[in-house]
């Protein structure tokens, strides 16, 4: 049989190739080659471990092998979502339910620390050590906050967000549209790419996903979901999450208070998502060989962070 190769060009961290003999790609396997210097911000051993945990719970494809600079795994049939799909109520309910399924995976008896703060500190350290000349370049300064300011914002976020009482669960941490595969024949979605997966605040994973409604290549924050859309999404999520974690004894009703509290947590945590990916963009700008304007992306995320900060700071969880 003739072996065909197809290169996927959507990813902005790695290079991805599908290998198959069947035209319908029924026998396809994916080979992913890690992007240059991505080991700076992705822990490959943890990624592998999380891949296996998700696989064991039916949330990930089969993993065939891992090598020094990549992975080979099963191809999931379906379409990678775009900004239109994630706001479609039929599809977003499936996404909310699948996220609840991942979040309900137990951490064998241990209570893990959220990955968020160590990640942010690590990224900020990388920005400091590798990019000081760039960040102190006056022409860039207007759009990129000073290192002192970044330190200050990180301290403020840690102080504020860690007080919100968001549960620590197994999170995907990078649910952009293209990392969600919708299989219309099975009527389900699956998440792919577990490079950033780890235990984190529940509200971060959701807030990060809502930020991704704006897209990646052409970012448009007017597409950020309205409160009405968010509440529908969050209701589907909470129903599924309570069913999975409390079983029937929870009576899986979702109260308005629970819904409102999660809405507030999610929108506050969306700030940490902007900050994280802005720092990530600065690091990628220095090392990546992928054709993408990382610096422009970083500036956009910082801009949105400062625009949204007063808005979400004003949100209160009613006691």
C-alpha atoms as a PDB file:
ATOM      1  CA  UNK A   1       0.000   0.000   0.000  1.00  0.00           C
ATOM      2  CA  UNK A   2       1.146   3.509  -0.746  1.00  0.00           C
ATOM      3  CA  UNK A   3       2.021   5.553   2.335  1.00  0.00           C
ATOM      4  CA  UNK A   4       0.738   9.132   2.267  1.00  0.00           C
ATOM      5  CA  UNK A   5       1.946  11.992   4.439  1.00  0.00           C
ATOM      6  CA  UNK A   6       0.031  15.131   5.331  1.00  0.00           C
ATOM      7  CA  UNK A   7       1.608  18.076   7.116  1.00  0.00           C
ATOM      8  CA  UNK A   8      -0.686  20.085   9.402  1.00  0.00           C
ATOM      9  CA  UNK A   9       0.154  23.770   9.517  1.00  0.00           C
ATOM     10  CA  UNK A  10      -2.170  25.024  12.253  1.00  0.00           C
ATOM     11  CA  UNK A  11      -0.004  24.372  15.286  1.00  0.00           C
ATOM     12  CA  UNK A  12       2.113  27.185  16.667  1.00  0.00           C
ATOM     13  CA  UNK A  13       4.234  25.104  19.072  1.00  0.00           C
ATOM     14  CA  UNK A  14       5.158  21.909  17.182  1.00  0.00           C
ATOM     15  CA  UNK A  15       5.210  20.339  13.737  1.00  0.00           C
ATOM     16  CA  UNK A  16       2.636  17.637  13.041  1.00  0.00           C
ATOM     17  CA  UNK A  17       2.463  15.005  10.277  1.00  0.00           C
ATOM     18  CA  UNK A  18      -0.213  12.354   9.588  1.00  0.00           C
ATOM     19  CA  UNK A  19       0.882   9.058   7.965  1.00  0.00           C
ATOM     20  CA  UNK A  20      -1.748   6.813   6.357  1.00  0.00           C
ATOM     21  CA  UNK A  21      -2.453   4.345   3.522  1.00  0.00           C
ATOM     22  CA  UNK A  22      -6.248   4.581   3.546  1.00  0.00           C
ATOM     23  CA  UNK A  23      -7.695   7.587   1.695  1.00  0.00           C
ATOM     24  CA  UNK A  24     -10.276   8.169   4.420  1.00  0.00           C
ATOM     25  CA  UNK A  25      -7.368   8.285   6.916  1.00  0.00           C
ATOM     26  CA  UNK A  26      -8.990   5.484   8.958  1.00  0.00           C
ATOM     27  CA  UNK A  27      -5.551   3.979   9.659  1.00  0.00           C
ATOM     28  CA  UNK A  28      -3.760   7.291  10.193  1.00  0.00           C
ATOM     29  CA  UNK A  29      -1.136   7.794  12.881  1.00  0.00           C
ATOM     30  CA  UNK A  30       0.164  11.198  13.889  1.00  0.00           C
ATOM     31  CA  UNK A  31       3.809  12.031  14.389  1.00  0.00           C
ATOM     32  CA  UNK A  32       4.498  15.199  16.318  1.00  0.00           C
ATOM     33  CA  UNK A  33       7.933  16.789  16.318  1.00  0.00           C
ATOM     34  CA  UNK A  34       8.535  19.199  19.175  1.00  0.00           C
ATOM     35  CA  UNK A  35       9.225  22.829  18.322  1.00  0.00           C
ATOM     36  CA  UNK A  36      12.658  24.335  18.860  1.00  0.00           C
ATOM     37  CA  UNK A  37      13.490  25.107  22.500  1.00  0.00           C
ATOM     38  CA  UNK A  38       9.966  24.186  23.618  1.00  0.00           C
ATOM     39  CA  UNK A  39      11.553  22.151  26.428  1.00  0.00           C
ATOM     40  CA  UNK A  40      12.089  25.550  28.085  1.00  0.00           C
ATOM     41  CA  UNK A  41       8.406  25.780  28.892  1.00  0.00           C
ATOM     42  CA  UNK A  42       7.039  22.270  28.352  1.00  0.00           C
ATOM     43  CA  UNK A  43       7.984  19.407  30.673  1.00  0.00           C
ATOM     44  CA  UNK A  44       7.936  16.451  28.271  1.00  0.00           C
ATOM     45  CA  UNK A  45       7.920  13.749  30.969  1.00  0.00           C
ATOM     46  CA  UNK A  46       4.888  15.290  32.634  1.00  0.00           C
ATOM     47  CA  UNK A  47       3.190  15.577  29.242  1.00  0.00           C
ATOM     48  CA  UNK A  48       3.726  11.867  28.636  1.00  0.00           C
ATOM     49  CA  UNK A  49       2.411  10.949  32.070  1.00  0.00           C
ATOM     50  CA  UNK A  50      -0.693  13.096  31.595  1.00  0.00           C
ATOM     51  CA  UNK A  51      -1.258  11.615  28.124  1.00  0.00           C
ATOM     52  CA  UNK A  52      -1.312   8.137  29.714  1.00  0.00           C
ATOM     53  CA  UNK A  53      -3.634   9.202  32.557  1.00  0.00           C
ATOM     54  CA  UNK A  54      -6.083  10.791  30.100  1.00  0.00           C
ATOM     55  CA  UNK A  55      -5.869   7.725  27.852  1.00  0.00           C
ATOM     56  CA  UNK A  56      -6.669   5.433  30.801  1.00  0.00           C
ATOM     57  CA  UNK A  57      -9.839   7.463  31.400  1.00  0.00           C
ATOM     58  CA  UNK A  58     -10.912   7.396  27.760  1.00  0.00           C
ATOM     59  CA  UNK A  59     -10.155  11.082  27.221  1.00  0.00           C
ATOM     60  CA  UNK A  60      -7.143  10.749  24.859  1.00  0.00           C
ATOM     61  CA  UNK A  61      -6.118   8.732  21.771  1.00  0.00           C
ATOM     62  CA  UNK A  62      -3.805   5.696  21.912  1.00  0.00           C
ATOM     63  CA  UNK A  63      -0.139   6.565  22.347  1.00  0.00           C
ATOM     64  CA  UNK A  64       2.117   4.324  20.234  1.00  0.00           C
ATOM     65  CA  UNK A  65       5.584   5.541  21.098  1.00  0.00           C
ATOM     66  CA  UNK A  66       7.600   8.482  22.374  1.00  0.00           C
ATOM     67  CA  UNK A  67      11.045   9.509  21.181  1.00  0.00           C
ATOM     68  CA  UNK A  68      13.551  12.174  22.216  1.00  0.00           C
ATOM     69  CA  UNK A  69      11.986  14.933  20.154  1.00  0.00           C
ATOM     70  CA  UNK A  70       8.412  13.842  19.651  1.00  0.00           C
ATOM     71  CA  UNK A  71       5.487  11.447  19.920  1.00  0.00           C
ATOM     72  CA  UNK A  72       3.507   9.059  17.730  1.00  0.00           C
ATOM     73  CA  UNK A  73      -0.179   8.505  18.498  1.00  0.00           C
ATOM     74  CA  UNK A  74      -3.582   7.597  17.113  1.00  0.00           C
ATOM     75  CA  UNK A  75      -5.370  10.009  14.777  1.00  0.00           C
ATOM     76  CA  UNK A  76      -8.802  11.093  16.063  1.00  0.00           C
ATOM     77  CA  UNK A  77     -11.372  11.433  13.258  1.00  0.00           C
ATOM     78  CA  UNK A  78     -13.447  14.603  13.194  1.00  0.00           C
ATOM     79  CA  UNK A  79     -12.969  18.314  12.671  1.00  0.00           C
ATOM     80  CA  UNK A  80     -10.794  20.694  14.664  1.00  0.00           C
ATOM     81  CA  UNK A  81     -13.106  23.424  15.911  1.00  0.00           C
ATOM     82  CA  UNK A  82     -13.009  27.042  14.809  1.00  0.00           C
ATOM     83  CA  UNK A  83     -14.344  30.203  16.526  1.00  0.00           C
ATOM     84  CA  UNK A  84     -17.823  29.616  15.035  1.00  0.00           C
ATOM     85  CA  UNK A  85     -18.121  26.102  16.459  1.00  0.00           C
ATOM     86  CA  UNK A  86     -17.244  26.962  20.065  1.00  0.00           C
ATOM     87  CA  UNK A  87     -20.141  29.426  20.296  1.00  0.00           C
ATOM     88  CA  UNK A  88     -22.656  26.924  18.839  1.00  0.00           C
ATOM     89  CA  UNK A  89     -24.774  25.782  21.832  1.00  0.00           C
ATOM     90  CA  UNK A  90     -24.940  22.187  20.593  1.00  0.00           C
ATOM     91  CA  UNK A  91     -21.161  21.910  20.363  1.00  0.00           C
ATOM     92  CA  UNK A  92     -20.263  24.022  23.384  1.00  0.00           C
ATOM     93  CA  UNK A  93     -22.372  21.777  25.625  1.00  0.00           C
ATOM     94  CA  UNK A  94     -20.264  18.825  24.446  1.00  0.00           C
ATOM     95  CA  UNK A  95     -17.096  20.817  25.181  1.00  0.00           C
ATOM     96  CA  UNK A  96     -18.343  21.725  28.673  1.00  0.00           C
ATOM     97  CA  UNK A  97     -19.206  18.076  29.390  1.00  0.00           C
ATOM     98  CA  UNK A  98     -15.849  16.813  28.138  1.00  0.00           C
ATOM     99  CA  UNK A  99     -14.018  19.385  30.248  1.00  0.00           C
ATOM    100  CA  UNK A 100     -16.001  18.184  33.271  1.00  0.00           C
ATOM    101  CA  UNK A 101     -14.905  14.621  32.442  1.00  0.00           C
ATOM    102  CA  UNK A 102     -11.225  15.634  32.479  1.00  0.00           C
ATOM    103  CA  UNK A 103     -11.664  17.728  35.631  1.00  0.00           C
ATOM    104  CA  UNK A 104     -13.287  14.773  37.418  1.00  0.00           C
ATOM    105  CA  UNK A 105     -10.187  12.550  37.024  1.00  0.00           C
ATOM    106  CA  UNK A 106      -8.834  11.862  40.514  1.00  0.00           C
ATOM    107  CA  UNK A 107      -5.322  12.641  41.649  1.00  0.00           C
ATOM    108  CA  UNK A 108      -4.533   9.329  43.332  1.00  0.00           C
ATOM    109  CA  UNK A 109      -5.067  10.390  46.903  1.00  0.00           C
ATOM    110  CA  UNK A 110      -2.661  13.329  46.771  1.00  0.00           C
ATOM    111  CA  UNK A 111      -3.769  16.930  46.698  1.00  0.00           C
ATOM    112  CA  UNK A 112      -1.613  18.473  43.983  1.00  0.00           C
ATOM    113  CA  UNK A 113      -0.488  22.087  43.932  1.00  0.00           C
ATOM    114  CA  UNK A 114      -1.780  24.241  41.086  1.00  0.00           C
ATOM    115  CA  UNK A 115       0.704  24.421  38.229  1.00  0.00           C
ATOM    116  CA  UNK A 116      -0.212  28.066  37.501  1.00  0.00           C
ATOM    117  CA  UNK A 117       2.139  29.962  39.820  1.00  0.00           C
ATOM    118  CA  UNK A 118       5.242  27.904  39.116  1.00  0.00           C
ATOM    119  CA  UNK A 119       4.529  28.208  35.366  1.00  0.00           C
ATOM    120  CA  UNK A 120       4.099  31.971  35.574  1.00  0.00           C
ATOM    121  CA  UNK A 121       7.258  32.373  37.672  1.00  0.00           C
ATOM    122  CA  UNK A 122       9.177  30.182  35.248  1.00  0.00           C
ATOM    123  CA  UNK A 123       7.984  32.103  32.189  1.00  0.00           C
ATOM    124  CA  UNK A 124       8.726  35.419  33.837  1.00  0.00           C
ATOM    125  CA  UNK A 125      12.237  34.238  34.729  1.00  0.00           C
ATOM    126  CA  UNK A 126      12.762  33.204  31.097  1.00  0.00           C
ATOM    127  CA  UNK A 127      11.511  36.592  29.935  1.00  0.00           C
ATOM    128  CA  UNK A 128      13.941  38.275  32.345  1.00  0.00           C
ATOM    129  CA  UNK A 129      17.035  36.241  31.536  1.00  0.00           C
ATOM    130  CA  UNK A 130      16.594  35.835  27.806  1.00  0.00           C
ATOM    131  CA  UNK A 131      14.787  38.922  26.727  1.00  0.00           C
ATOM    132  CA  UNK A 132      15.967  41.765  28.912  1.00  0.00           C
ATOM    133  CA  UNK A 133      17.527  43.660  25.973  1.00  0.00           C
ATOM    134  CA  UNK A 134      14.362  43.275  23.938  1.00  0.00           C
ATOM    135  CA  UNK A 135      11.996  44.208  26.746  1.00  0.00           C
ATOM    136  CA  UNK A 136      14.077  47.250  27.629  1.00  0.00           C
ATOM    137  CA  UNK A 137      14.112  48.410  24.003  1.00  0.00           C
ATOM    138  CA  UNK A 138      12.245  51.777  24.062  1.00  0.00           C
ATOM    139  CA  UNK A 139      10.315  51.153  20.825  1.00  0.00           C
ATOM    140  CA  UNK A 140       8.755  48.051  22.363  1.00  0.00           C
ATOM    141  CA  UNK A 141       8.108  49.532  25.760  1.00  0.00           C
ATOM    142  CA  UNK A 142       4.861  51.172  24.846  1.00  0.00           C
ATOM    143  CA  UNK A 143       3.223  47.765  24.336  1.00  0.00           C
ATOM    144  CA  UNK A 144       5.179  45.535  26.697  1.00  0.00           C
ATOM    145  CA  UNK A 145       5.055  46.262  30.424  1.00  0.00           C
ATOM    146  CA  UNK A 146       8.378  46.680  32.241  1.00  0.00           C
ATOM    147  CA  UNK A 147       9.788  43.724  34.156  1.00  0.00           C
ATOM    148  CA  UNK A 148       9.001  45.503  37.444  1.00  0.00           C
ATOM    149  CA  UNK A 149       5.409  45.882  36.370  1.00  0.00           C
ATOM    150  CA  UNK A 150       5.176  42.226  35.328  1.00  0.00           C
ATOM    151  CA  UNK A 151       6.534  41.175  38.732  1.00  0.00           C
ATOM    152  CA  UNK A 152       4.019  43.456  40.419  1.00  0.00           C
ATOM    153  CA  UNK A 153       1.087  42.079  38.396  1.00  0.00           C
ATOM    154  CA  UNK A 154       2.098  38.490  39.084  1.00  0.00           C
ATOM    155  CA  UNK A 155       2.237  39.153  42.844  1.00  0.00           C
ATOM    156  CA  UNK A 156      -1.167  40.859  42.666  1.00  0.00           C
ATOM    157  CA  UNK A 157      -2.706  37.946  40.746  1.00  0.00           C
ATOM    158  CA  UNK A 158      -1.314  35.349  43.110  1.00  0.00           C
ATOM    159  CA  UNK A 159      -2.669  37.263  46.083  1.00  0.00           C
ATOM    160  CA  UNK A 160      -6.096  37.847  44.518  1.00  0.00           C
ATOM    161  CA  UNK A 161      -6.832  34.693  42.549  1.00  0.00           C
ATOM    162  CA  UNK A 162      -5.637  32.143  45.076  1.00  0.00           C
ATOM    163  CA  UNK A 163      -8.239  33.556  47.515  1.00  0.00           C
ATOM    164  CA  UNK A 164     -11.180  32.732  45.247  1.00  0.00           C
ATOM    165  CA  UNK A 165     -11.614  29.125  46.352  1.00  0.00           C
ATOM    166  CA  UNK A 166     -11.469  27.585  42.875  1.00  0.00           C
ATOM    167  CA  UNK A 167     -10.931  23.791  43.183  1.00  0.00           C
ATOM    168  CA  UNK A 168      -7.667  22.219  41.975  1.00  0.00           C
ATOM    169  CA  UNK A 169      -8.453  19.677  39.237  1.00  0.00           C
ATOM    170  CA  UNK A 170      -6.706  18.017  36.303  1.00  0.00           C
ATOM    171  CA  UNK A 171      -6.779  20.753  33.633  1.00  0.00           C
ATOM    172  CA  UNK A 172      -5.930  20.780  29.940  1.00  0.00           C
ATOM    173  CA  UNK A 173      -4.705  24.396  30.271  1.00  0.00           C
ATOM    174  CA  UNK A 174      -4.606  25.067  26.520  1.00  0.00           C
ATOM    175  CA  UNK A 175      -8.094  24.617  25.128  1.00  0.00           C
ATOM    176  CA  UNK A 176      -7.848  26.714  22.024  1.00  0.00           C
ATOM    177  CA  UNK A 177     -10.385  25.845  19.321  1.00  0.00           C
ATOM    178  CA  UNK A 178      -7.995  23.696  17.280  1.00  0.00           C
ATOM    179  CA  UNK A 179      -7.249  21.481  20.296  1.00  0.00           C
ATOM    180  CA  UNK A 180     -10.868  20.308  20.322  1.00  0.00           C
ATOM    181  CA  UNK A 181     -11.891  17.604  17.844  1.00  0.00           C
ATOM    182  CA  UNK A 182     -15.593  17.217  17.102  1.00  0.00           C
ATOM    183  CA  UNK A 183     -16.713  13.834  15.814  1.00  0.00           C
ATOM    184  CA  UNK A 184     -20.153  14.335  14.295  1.00  0.00           C
ATOM    185  CA  UNK A 185     -20.782  10.605  13.783  1.00  0.00           C
ATOM    186  CA  UNK A 186     -20.192   9.810  17.471  1.00  0.00           C
ATOM    187  CA  UNK A 187     -21.584  13.146  18.651  1.00  0.00           C
ATOM    188  CA  UNK A 188     -18.725  13.820  21.022  1.00  0.00           C
ATOM    189  CA  UNK A 189     -15.644  16.003  21.326  1.00  0.00           C
ATOM    190  CA  UNK A 190     -12.134  15.022  22.427  1.00  0.00           C
ATOM    191  CA  UNK A 191      -9.278  17.271  23.490  1.00  0.00           C
ATOM    192  CA  UNK A 192      -5.815  16.888  21.966  1.00  0.00           C
ATOM    193  CA  UNK A 193      -2.307  18.217  22.802  1.00  0.00           C
ATOM    194  CA  UNK A 194      -1.441  17.770  26.469  1.00  0.00           C
ATOM    195  CA  UNK A 195       1.742  19.833  26.624  1.00  0.00           C
ATOM    196  CA  UNK A 196       0.370  22.209  29.225  1.00  0.00           C
ATOM    197  CA  UNK A 197      -1.893  19.696  31.001  1.00  0.00           C
ATOM    198  CA  UNK A 198      -1.556  19.507  34.774  1.00  0.00           C
ATOM    199  CA  UNK A 199      -3.335  20.140  38.048  1.00  0.00           C
ATOM    200  CA  UNK A 200      -4.609  23.680  38.158  1.00  0.00           C
ATOM    201  CA  UNK A 201      -7.498  25.889  39.189  1.00  0.00           C
ATOM    202  CA  UNK A 202     -10.757  24.756  37.605  1.00  0.00           C
ATOM    203  CA  UNK A 203     -11.639  28.379  36.787  1.00  0.00           C
ATOM    204  CA  UNK A 204      -8.345  28.899  34.923  1.00  0.00           C
ATOM    205  CA  UNK A 205      -9.081  26.113  32.435  1.00  0.00           C
ATOM    206  CA  UNK A 206     -12.527  27.505  31.682  1.00  0.00           C
ATOM    207  CA  UNK A 207     -11.422  31.165  31.596  1.00  0.00           C
ATOM    208  CA  UNK A 208      -8.562  30.242  29.293  1.00  0.00           C
ATOM    209  CA  UNK A 209     -11.009  28.482  26.950  1.00  0.00           C
ATOM    210  CA  UNK A 210     -13.336  31.506  26.929  1.00  0.00           C
ATOM    211  CA  UNK A 211     -10.376  33.719  25.969  1.00  0.00           C
ATOM    212  CA  UNK A 212      -9.761  31.368  23.041  1.00  0.00           C
ATOM    213  CA  UNK A 213     -13.171  32.220  21.574  1.00  0.00           C
ATOM    214  CA  UNK A 214     -11.251  35.193  20.148  1.00  0.00           C
ATOM    215  CA  UNK A 215      -9.036  32.953  17.961  1.00  0.00           C
ATOM    216  CA  UNK A 216      -5.252  32.737  17.593  1.00  0.00           C
ATOM    217  CA  UNK A 217      -4.167  33.796  14.098  1.00  0.00           C
ATOM    218  CA  UNK A 218      -6.572  36.710  13.893  1.00  0.00           C
ATOM    219  CA  UNK A 219      -7.399  37.607  17.491  1.00  0.00           C
ATOM    220  CA  UNK A 220     -10.720  39.414  17.965  1.00  0.00           C
ATOM    221  CA  UNK A 221     -11.829  39.911  21.573  1.00  0.00           C
ATOM    222  CA  UNK A 222     -15.266  41.030  20.471  1.00  0.00           C
ATOM    223  CA  UNK A 223     -15.827  37.275  20.142  1.00  0.00           C
ATOM    224  CA  UNK A 224     -15.309  36.740  23.901  1.00  0.00           C
ATOM    225  CA  UNK A 225     -18.509  34.991  25.063  1.00  0.00           C
ATOM    226  CA  UNK A 226     -21.276  37.173  26.492  1.00  0.00           C
ATOM    227  CA  UNK A 227     -22.401  36.633  30.073  1.00  0.00           C
ATOM    228  CA  UNK A 228     -25.507  34.850  28.759  1.00  0.00           C
ATOM    229  CA  UNK A 229     -23.430  32.399  26.686  1.00  0.00           C
ATOM    230  CA  UNK A 230     -21.032  31.850  29.566  1.00  0.00           C
ATOM    231  CA  UNK A 231     -23.867  31.040  31.978  1.00  0.00           C
ATOM    232  CA  UNK A 232     -25.325  28.463  29.552  1.00  0.00           C
ATOM    233  CA  UNK A 233     -21.873  26.920  29.114  1.00  0.00           C
ATOM    234  CA  UNK A 234     -21.171  26.931  32.860  1.00  0.00           C
ATOM    235  CA  UNK A 235     -24.541  25.373  33.666  1.00  0.00           C
ATOM    236  CA  UNK A 236     -23.809  22.438  31.304  1.00  0.00           C
ATOM    237  CA  UNK A 237     -20.359  22.128  32.838  1.00  0.00           C
ATOM    238  CA  UNK A 238     -21.569  22.173  36.467  1.00  0.00           C
ATOM    239  CA  UNK A 239     -24.337  19.648  35.797  1.00  0.00           C
ATOM    240  CA  UNK A 240     -21.817  17.231  34.282  1.00  0.00           C
ATOM    241  CA  UNK A 241     -19.109  17.923  36.870  1.00  0.00           C
ATOM    242  CA  UNK A 242     -21.452  17.400  39.827  1.00  0.00           C
ATOM    243  CA  UNK A 243     -22.860  14.235  38.277  1.00  0.00           C
ATOM    244  CA  UNK A 244     -19.328  12.855  37.820  1.00  0.00           C
ATOM    245  CA  UNK A 245     -17.930  13.882  41.190  1.00  0.00           C
ATOM    246  CA  UNK A 246     -20.973  13.496  43.443  1.00  0.00           C
ATOM    247  CA  UNK A 247     -22.952  10.883  41.537  1.00  0.00           C
ATOM    248  CA  UNK A 248     -26.674  10.874  42.111  1.00  0.00           C
ATOM    249  CA  UNK A 249     -26.408  11.866  45.746  1.00  0.00           C
ATOM    250  CA  UNK A 250     -25.634  15.406  44.608  1.00  0.00           C
ATOM    251  CA  UNK A 251     -29.083  15.668  43.075  1.00  0.00           C
ATOM    252  CA  UNK A 252     -27.114  17.479  40.290  1.00  0.00           C
ATOM    253  CA  UNK A 253     -29.240  20.585  40.428  1.00  0.00           C
ATOM    254  CA  UNK A 254     -27.197  23.731  39.831  1.00  0.00           C
ATOM    255  CA  UNK A 255     -28.088  26.725  41.988  1.00  0.00           C
ATOM    256  CA  UNK A 256     -27.933  30.311  40.762  1.00  0.00           C
ATOM    257  CA  UNK A 257     -25.365  31.032  43.511  1.00  0.00           C
ATOM    258  CA  UNK A 258     -23.034  28.280  42.279  1.00  0.00           C
ATOM    259  CA  UNK A 259     -23.395  29.470  38.721  1.00  0.00           C
ATOM    260  CA  UNK A 260     -22.714  33.108  39.589  1.00  0.00           C
ATOM    261  CA  UNK A 261     -19.717  32.182  41.764  1.00  0.00           C
ATOM    262  CA  UNK A 262     -18.148  30.119  38.974  1.00  0.00           C
ATOM    263  CA  UNK A 263     -18.818  32.932  36.482  1.00  0.00           C
ATOM    264  CA  UNK A 264     -16.926  35.392  38.708  1.00  0.00           C
ATOM    265  CA  UNK A 265     -14.018  32.984  39.322  1.00  0.00           C
ATOM    266  CA  UNK A 266     -13.701  32.176  35.614  1.00  0.00           C
ATOM    267  CA  UNK A 267     -13.616  35.806  34.505  1.00  0.00           C
ATOM    268  CA  UNK A 268     -11.045  36.730  37.128  1.00  0.00           C
ATOM    269  CA  UNK A 269      -8.845  33.764  36.180  1.00  0.00           C
ATOM    270  CA  UNK A 270      -9.049  34.743  32.512  1.00  0.00           C
ATOM    271  CA  UNK A 271      -6.548  37.481  33.456  1.00  0.00           C
ATOM    272  CA  UNK A 272      -3.947  34.871  34.428  1.00  0.00           C
ATOM    273  CA  UNK A 273      -4.486  33.236  31.036  1.00  0.00           C
ATOM    274  CA  UNK A 274      -3.750  36.514  29.185  1.00  0.00           C
ATOM    275  CA  UNK A 275      -0.640  37.048  31.285  1.00  0.00           C
ATOM    276  CA  UNK A 276       0.641  33.489  30.818  1.00  0.00           C
ATOM    277  CA  UNK A 277       0.278  33.422  27.027  1.00  0.00           C
ATOM    278  CA  UNK A 278       1.687  36.938  26.694  1.00  0.00           C
ATOM    279  CA  UNK A 279       4.894  35.831  28.467  1.00  0.00           C
ATOM    280  CA  UNK A 280       4.853  32.626  26.399  1.00  0.00           C
ATOM    281  CA  UNK A 281       4.655  34.728  23.234  1.00  0.00           C
ATOM    282  CA  UNK A 282       7.733  36.738  24.250  1.00  0.00           C
ATOM    283  CA  UNK A 283       9.715  33.513  24.791  1.00  0.00           C
ATOM    284  CA  UNK A 284       8.471  31.927  21.552  1.00  0.00           C
ATOM    285  CA  UNK A 285       9.353  35.095  19.669  1.00  0.00           C
ATOM    286  CA  UNK A 286      12.981  34.518  20.561  1.00  0.00           C
ATOM    287  CA  UNK A 287      13.255  30.791  19.815  1.00  0.00           C
ATOM    288  CA  UNK A 288      10.507  29.490  17.573  1.00  0.00           C
ATOM    289  CA  UNK A 289      11.127  28.707  13.898  1.00  0.00           C
ATOM    290  CA  UNK A 290       7.379  28.507  13.225  1.00  0.00           C
ATOM    291  CA  UNK A 291       6.006  31.219  10.959  1.00  0.00           C
ATOM    292  CA  UNK A 292       3.837  33.180  13.394  1.00  0.00           C
ATOM    293  CA  UNK A 293       4.077  36.704  14.775  1.00  0.00           C
ATOM    294  CA  UNK A 294       4.599  35.819  18.441  1.00  0.00           C
ATOM    295  CA  UNK A 295       5.574  39.339  19.485  1.00  0.00           C
ATOM    296  CA  UNK A 296       2.379  40.836  18.096  1.00  0.00           C
ATOM    297  CA  UNK A 297       0.447  38.088  19.868  1.00  0.00           C
ATOM    298  CA  UNK A 298       2.177  38.829  23.196  1.00  0.00           C
ATOM    299  CA  UNK A 299       1.338  42.542  22.880  1.00  0.00           C
ATOM    300  CA  UNK A 300      -2.318  41.741  22.173  1.00  0.00           C
ATOM    301  CA  UNK A 301      -2.566  39.524  25.248  1.00  0.00           C
ATOM    302  CA  UNK A 302      -0.932  42.128  27.516  1.00  0.00           C
ATOM    303  CA  UNK A 303      -3.240  44.797  26.127  1.00  0.00           C
ATOM    304  CA  UNK A 304      -6.305  42.656  26.849  1.00  0.00           C
ATOM    305  CA  UNK A 305      -5.004  41.846  30.335  1.00  0.00           C
ATOM    306  CA  UNK A 306      -4.847  45.533  31.290  1.00  0.00           C
ATOM    307  CA  UNK A 307      -8.148  46.294  29.576  1.00  0.00           C
ATOM    308  CA  UNK A 308      -9.994  43.515  31.445  1.00  0.00           C
ATOM    309  CA  UNK A 309      -8.320  43.936  34.835  1.00  0.00           C
ATOM    310  CA  UNK A 310     -10.609  46.731  36.151  1.00  0.00           C
ATOM    311  CA  UNK A 311     -13.686  45.028  34.658  1.00  0.00           C
ATOM    312  CA  UNK A 312     -13.130  41.669  36.354  1.00  0.00           C
ATOM    313  CA  UNK A 313     -11.770  43.206  39.561  1.00  0.00           C
ATOM    314  CA  UNK A 314     -15.189  44.812  39.999  1.00  0.00           C
ATOM    315  CA  UNK A 315     -16.952  41.417  39.890  1.00  0.00           C
ATOM    316  CA  UNK A 316     -17.911  40.119  43.329  1.00  0.00           C
ATOM    317  CA  UNK A 317     -19.115  36.727  44.507  1.00  0.00           C
ATOM    318  CA  UNK A 318     -22.268  37.449  46.485  1.00  0.00           C
ATOM    319  CA  UNK A 319     -21.982  36.016  49.970  1.00  0.00           C
END
